[in-house]
C-alpha atoms as a PDB file:
ATOM      1  CA  MET A   1      -0.026   0.004   0.015  1.00  0.00           C
ATOM      2  CA  ASP A   2       1.245   3.460  -0.872  1.00  0.00           C
ATOM      3  CA  ALA A   3       1.772   6.003   1.899  1.00  0.00           C
ATOM      4  CA  VAL A   4      -1.410   7.516   3.360  1.00  0.00           C
ATOM      5  CA  PRO A   5      -1.760  10.997   2.110  1.00  0.00           C
ATOM      6  CA  THR A   6      -1.532  13.746   4.678  1.00  0.00           C
ATOM      7  CA  ARG A   7      -3.093  17.140   4.436  1.00  0.00           C
ATOM      8  CA  PRO A   8      -0.887  20.054   5.275  1.00  0.00           C
ATOM      9  CA  ALA A   9      -1.961  21.744   8.456  1.00  0.00           C
ATOM     10  CA  PRO A  10      -2.692  25.492   8.426  1.00  0.00           C
ATOM     11  CA  ASN A  11       0.102  27.998   9.137  1.00  0.00           C
ATOM     12  CA  GLY A  12       2.868  25.529   8.278  1.00  0.00           C
ATOM     13  CA  SER A  13       2.354  23.371  11.404  1.00  0.00           C
ATOM     14  CA  SER A  14       2.726  19.621  11.186  1.00  0.00           C
ATOM     15  CA  PRO A  15       0.256  17.626   9.027  1.00  0.00           C
ATOM     16  CA  ALA A  16      -2.790  15.971  10.436  1.00  0.00           C
ATOM     17  CA  ALA A  17      -1.982  12.792  12.390  1.00  0.00           C
ATOM     18  CA  VAL A  18      -3.144   9.545  10.836  1.00  0.00           C
ATOM     19  CA  ARG A  19      -4.271   7.209  13.629  1.00  0.00           C
ATOM     20  CA  TYR A  20      -5.684   4.398  11.542  1.00  0.00           C
ATOM     21  CA  ALA A  21      -5.230   3.374   7.962  1.00  0.00           C
ATOM     22  CA  SER A  22      -6.354   0.439   5.955  1.00  0.00           C
ATOM     23  CA  GLN A  23      -6.859  -1.041   2.554  1.00  0.00           C
ATOM     24  CA  VAL A  24     -10.068  -2.723   1.336  1.00  0.00           C
ATOM     25  CA  THR A  25      -9.584  -6.378   0.444  1.00  0.00           C
ATOM     26  CA  ALA A  26     -13.177  -7.342  -0.444  1.00  0.00           C
ATOM     27  CA  VAL A  27     -16.622  -5.788  -0.785  1.00  0.00           C
ATOM     28  CA  GLY A  28     -19.774  -7.836  -0.120  1.00  0.00           C
ATOM     29  CA  PRO A  29     -22.520  -7.753  -2.794  1.00  0.00           C
ATOM     30  CA  MET A  30     -24.916  -5.960  -0.416  1.00  0.00           C
ATOM     31  CA  VAL A  31     -22.560  -3.084   0.322  1.00  0.00           C
ATOM     32  CA  PRO A  32     -23.990  -0.802  -2.446  1.00  0.00           C
ATOM     33  CA  ASP A  33     -27.474  -1.292  -0.961  1.00  0.00           C
ATOM     34  CA  PHE A  34     -26.265  -0.380   2.507  1.00  0.00           C
ATOM     35  CA  ALA A  35     -24.328   2.607   1.184  1.00  0.00           C
ATOM     36  CA  GLU A  36     -27.574   3.811  -0.448  1.00  0.00           C
ATOM     37  CA  GLN A  37     -29.073   3.714   2.972  1.00  0.00           C
ATOM     38  CA  ARG A  38     -26.115   5.719   4.208  1.00  0.00           C
ATOM     39  CA  ILE A  39     -24.445   2.902   6.147  1.00  0.00           C
ATOM     40  CA  LEU A  40     -21.092   1.275   5.619  1.00  0.00           C
ATOM     41  CA  VAL A  41     -19.959  -1.688   7.756  1.00  0.00           C
ATOM     42  CA  PHE A  42     -16.231  -2.342   7.797  1.00  0.00           C
ATOM     43  CA  PHE A  43     -14.603  -5.393   9.334  1.00  0.00           C
ATOM     44  CA  GLY A  44     -11.129  -6.722   9.543  1.00  0.00           C
ATOM     45  CA  GLY A  45     -10.159  -9.935   7.781  1.00  0.00           C
ATOM     46  CA  ASN A  46     -11.328 -12.090  10.772  1.00  0.00           C
ATOM     47  CA  ALA A  47     -15.062 -11.272  10.152  1.00  0.00           C
ATOM     48  CA  PRO A  48     -17.296 -14.328  10.326  1.00  0.00           C
ATOM     49  CA  ALA A  49     -18.305 -15.476   6.868  1.00  0.00           C
ATOM     50  CA  GLU A  50     -22.006 -14.784   7.473  1.00  0.00           C
ATOM     51  CA  LEU A  51     -21.071 -11.040   7.575  1.00  0.00           C
ATOM     52  CA  HIS A  52     -19.155 -10.955   4.388  1.00  0.00           C
ATOM     53  CA  ASP A  53     -22.165 -10.186   2.135  1.00  0.00           C
ATOM     54  CA  PHE A  54     -22.803  -6.761   3.668  1.00  0.00           C
ATOM     55  CA  CYS A  55     -19.287  -5.810   4.886  1.00  0.00           C
ATOM     56  CA  VAL A  56     -16.299  -4.021   3.526  1.00  0.00           C
ATOM     57  CA  LEU A  57     -13.418  -6.255   4.485  1.00  0.00           C
ATOM     58  CA  HIS A  58     -10.075  -4.557   5.013  1.00  0.00           C
ATOM     59  CA  SER A  59      -6.564  -5.019   6.319  1.00  0.00           C
ATOM     60  CA  ALA A  60      -5.104  -2.331   8.633  1.00  0.00           C
ATOM     61  CA  THR A  61      -1.667  -0.924   7.954  1.00  0.00           C
ATOM     62  CA  VAL A  62      -1.724   1.699  10.768  1.00  0.00           C
ATOM     63  CA  ALA A  63      -3.536   1.228  14.042  1.00  0.00           C
ATOM     64  CA  THR A  64      -1.883   3.621  16.449  1.00  0.00           C
ATOM     65  CA  GLY A  65      -5.129   5.094  17.698  1.00  0.00           C
ATOM     66  CA  GLY A  66      -8.833   5.152  17.024  1.00  0.00           C
ATOM     67  CA  LEU A  67     -11.546   7.714  16.791  1.00  0.00           C
ATOM     68  CA  ARG A  68     -12.475  11.066  18.322  1.00  0.00           C
ATOM     69  CA  VAL A  69     -15.309  13.351  17.555  1.00  0.00           C
ATOM     70  CA  GLY A  70     -14.047  15.911  15.063  1.00  0.00           C
ATOM     71  CA  ASP A  71     -11.714  13.469  13.290  1.00  0.00           C
ATOM     72  CA  GLU A  72     -12.009  12.871   9.628  1.00  0.00           C
ATOM     73  CA  ILE A  73     -12.631   9.571   8.008  1.00  0.00           C
ATOM     74  CA  VAL A  74     -11.281   9.510   4.427  1.00  0.00           C
ATOM     75  CA  ILE A  75     -12.487   6.877   2.012  1.00  0.00           C
ATOM     76  CA  ASP A  76     -10.512   7.316  -1.157  1.00  0.00           C
ATOM     77  CA  ASP A  77     -11.307  10.940  -2.113  1.00  0.00           C
ATOM     78  CA  THR A  78     -14.367  11.390   0.221  1.00  0.00           C
ATOM     79  CA  VAL A  79     -13.732  13.200   3.563  1.00  0.00           C
ATOM     80  CA  LEU A  80     -16.330  12.698   6.325  1.00  0.00           C
ATOM     81  CA  SER A  81     -16.290  14.504   9.675  1.00  0.00           C
ATOM     82  CA  VAL A  82     -16.990  12.422  12.754  1.00  0.00           C
ATOM     83  CA  LEU A  83     -19.935  13.887  14.714  1.00  0.00           C
ATOM     84  CA  ALA A  84     -20.619  11.195  17.295  1.00  0.00           C
ATOM     85  CA  LEU A  85     -19.125   7.946  18.579  1.00  0.00           C
ATOM     86  CA  GLY A  86     -20.821   5.096  20.451  1.00  0.00           C
ATOM     87  CA  GLU A  87     -19.036   3.992  23.633  1.00  0.00           C
ATOM     88  CA  VAL A  88     -17.521   0.913  22.000  1.00  0.00           C
ATOM     89  CA  ALA A  89     -16.812   2.309  18.561  1.00  0.00           C
ATOM     90  CA  GLU A  90     -13.102   2.915  19.150  1.00  0.00           C
ATOM     91  CA  GLU A  91     -12.544  -0.421  20.841  1.00  0.00           C
ATOM     92  CA  ASN A  92     -14.327  -2.230  18.046  1.00  0.00           C
ATOM     93  CA  LEU A  93     -12.210  -0.572  15.429  1.00  0.00           C
ATOM     94  CA  LEU A  94      -8.863  -1.250  17.185  1.00  0.00           C
ATOM     95  CA  ASN A  95      -9.690  -4.788  18.203  1.00  0.00           C
ATOM     96  CA  LEU A  96     -11.808  -6.060  15.316  1.00  0.00           C
ATOM     97  CA  GLY A  97     -11.305  -3.619  12.483  1.00  0.00           C
ATOM     98  CA  HIS A  98     -15.078  -3.042  12.861  1.00  0.00           C
ATOM     99  CA  LEU A  99     -16.443   0.387  11.908  1.00  0.00           C
ATOM    100  CA  ASN A 100     -20.223   0.884  11.735  1.00  0.00           C
ATOM    101  CA  LEU A 101     -20.322   4.151   9.745  1.00  0.00           C
ATOM    102  CA  LYS A 102     -23.655   6.009   9.506  1.00  0.00           C
ATOM    103  CA  ALA A 103     -24.010   9.191   7.427  1.00  0.00           C
ATOM    104  CA  ASN A 104     -27.013  10.384   9.495  1.00  0.00           C
ATOM    105  CA  GLY A 105     -25.840  13.759  10.817  1.00  0.00           C
ATOM    106  CA  GLU A 106     -26.415  12.673  14.433  1.00  0.00           C
ATOM    107  CA  THR A 107     -24.426  14.181  17.253  1.00  0.00           C
ATOM    108  CA  ARG A 108     -25.300  11.327  19.564  1.00  0.00           C
ATOM    109  CA  ALA A 109     -24.657   7.784  18.388  1.00  0.00           C
ATOM    110  CA  PRO A 110     -27.849   5.688  18.356  1.00  0.00           C
ATOM    111  CA  LEU A 111     -26.036   2.438  19.106  1.00  0.00           C
ATOM    112  CA  PRO A 112     -22.879   1.664  21.125  1.00  0.00           C
ATOM    113  CA  GLY A 113     -20.774   0.769  18.013  1.00  0.00           C
ATOM    114  CA  ASP A 114     -21.974   3.561  15.757  1.00  0.00           C
ATOM    115  CA  VAL A 115     -19.750   6.226  14.205  1.00  0.00           C
ATOM    116  CA  CYS A 116     -21.886   9.095  12.887  1.00  0.00           C
ATOM    117  CA  VAL A 117     -20.828  11.507  10.201  1.00  0.00           C
ATOM    118  CA  GLU A 118     -22.590  14.275   8.428  1.00  0.00           C
ATOM    119  CA  ASP A 119     -25.820  13.439   6.629  1.00  0.00           C
ATOM    120  CA  GLY A 120     -25.156  12.677   2.990  1.00  0.00           C
ATOM    121  CA  PRO A 121     -24.191  10.020   0.403  1.00  0.00           C
ATOM    122  CA  LEU A 122     -21.448   7.506   1.173  1.00  0.00           C
ATOM    123  CA  PRO A 123     -19.008   6.241  -1.418  1.00  0.00           C
ATOM    124  CA  VAL A 124     -18.957   2.552  -2.296  1.00  0.00           C
ATOM    125  CA  PRO A 125     -15.429   1.233  -1.643  1.00  0.00           C
ATOM    126  CA  ARG A 126     -13.949  -1.358  -3.911  1.00  0.00           C
ATOM    127  CA  PRO A 127     -11.106  -3.772  -3.473  1.00  0.00           C
ATOM    128  CA  GLY A 128      -7.970  -1.712  -3.322  1.00  0.00           C
ATOM    129  CA  SER A 129      -9.739   1.361  -1.902  1.00  0.00           C
ATOM    130  CA  ARG A 130      -8.031   2.958   0.995  1.00  0.00           C
ATOM    131  CA  PHE A 131      -9.563   4.526   4.086  1.00  0.00           C
ATOM    132  CA  TRP A 132      -7.933   6.249   7.043  1.00  0.00           C
ATOM    133  CA  ILE A 133      -8.748   8.273  10.118  1.00  0.00           C
ATOM    134  CA  ARG A 134      -6.924  11.472  10.714  1.00  0.00           C
ATOM    135  CA  GLU A 135      -7.051  14.208  13.263  1.00  0.00           C
ATOM    136  CA  ALA A 136      -8.898  17.192  11.973  1.00  0.00           C
ATOM    137  CA  ALA A 137      -6.707  20.066  10.830  1.00  0.00           C
ATOM    138  CA  GLY A 138      -6.146  22.681  13.599  1.00  0.00           C
ATOM    139  CA  ARG A 139      -6.552  20.163  16.440  1.00  0.00           C
ATOM    140  CA  ARG A 140      -2.865  19.324  16.911  1.00  0.00           C
END
C-alpha cells in the first residue's frame, strides 16, 4: 500500500496525524445497498463468513489510535467528519477492524458501536480502496 496522504496543516504546522489506515480487500454484494441507506460496515479480515455479504473487509496498515469526535474519515477521495461515537466504537475498530459508519448527521450515536458522520451519500469502496482516520486540521 502506498503511503497514506496527509493534508498540510494551516500556518505551516505539522500535518494531520493519521491514527488508523487500511486497505479494502473485499466488498460484499450488499454493500452498495447499505451505502444507499447511508451505512457502511467495515470489518477486519477475521469477520465471520456470515457477515461478508454486507461488509467492507479490510486489512489495517496503521492502528496507532482510534476515533475522536471531530476526526476525519477519508475513503479514497471522500472526507467525512466524525460527529458522534458510540461507547464501544473505538474499541471495536482497534480490536476487530469493525467500523459501523452512519451518514445520518447525528451528534449522539444511536447504538454503542456507531460512528456518525454528516448526513449525505457515502462512497462505495472497492477492493484496493483505502480509508484512514486522521485528526482534523487545527486540532494538533
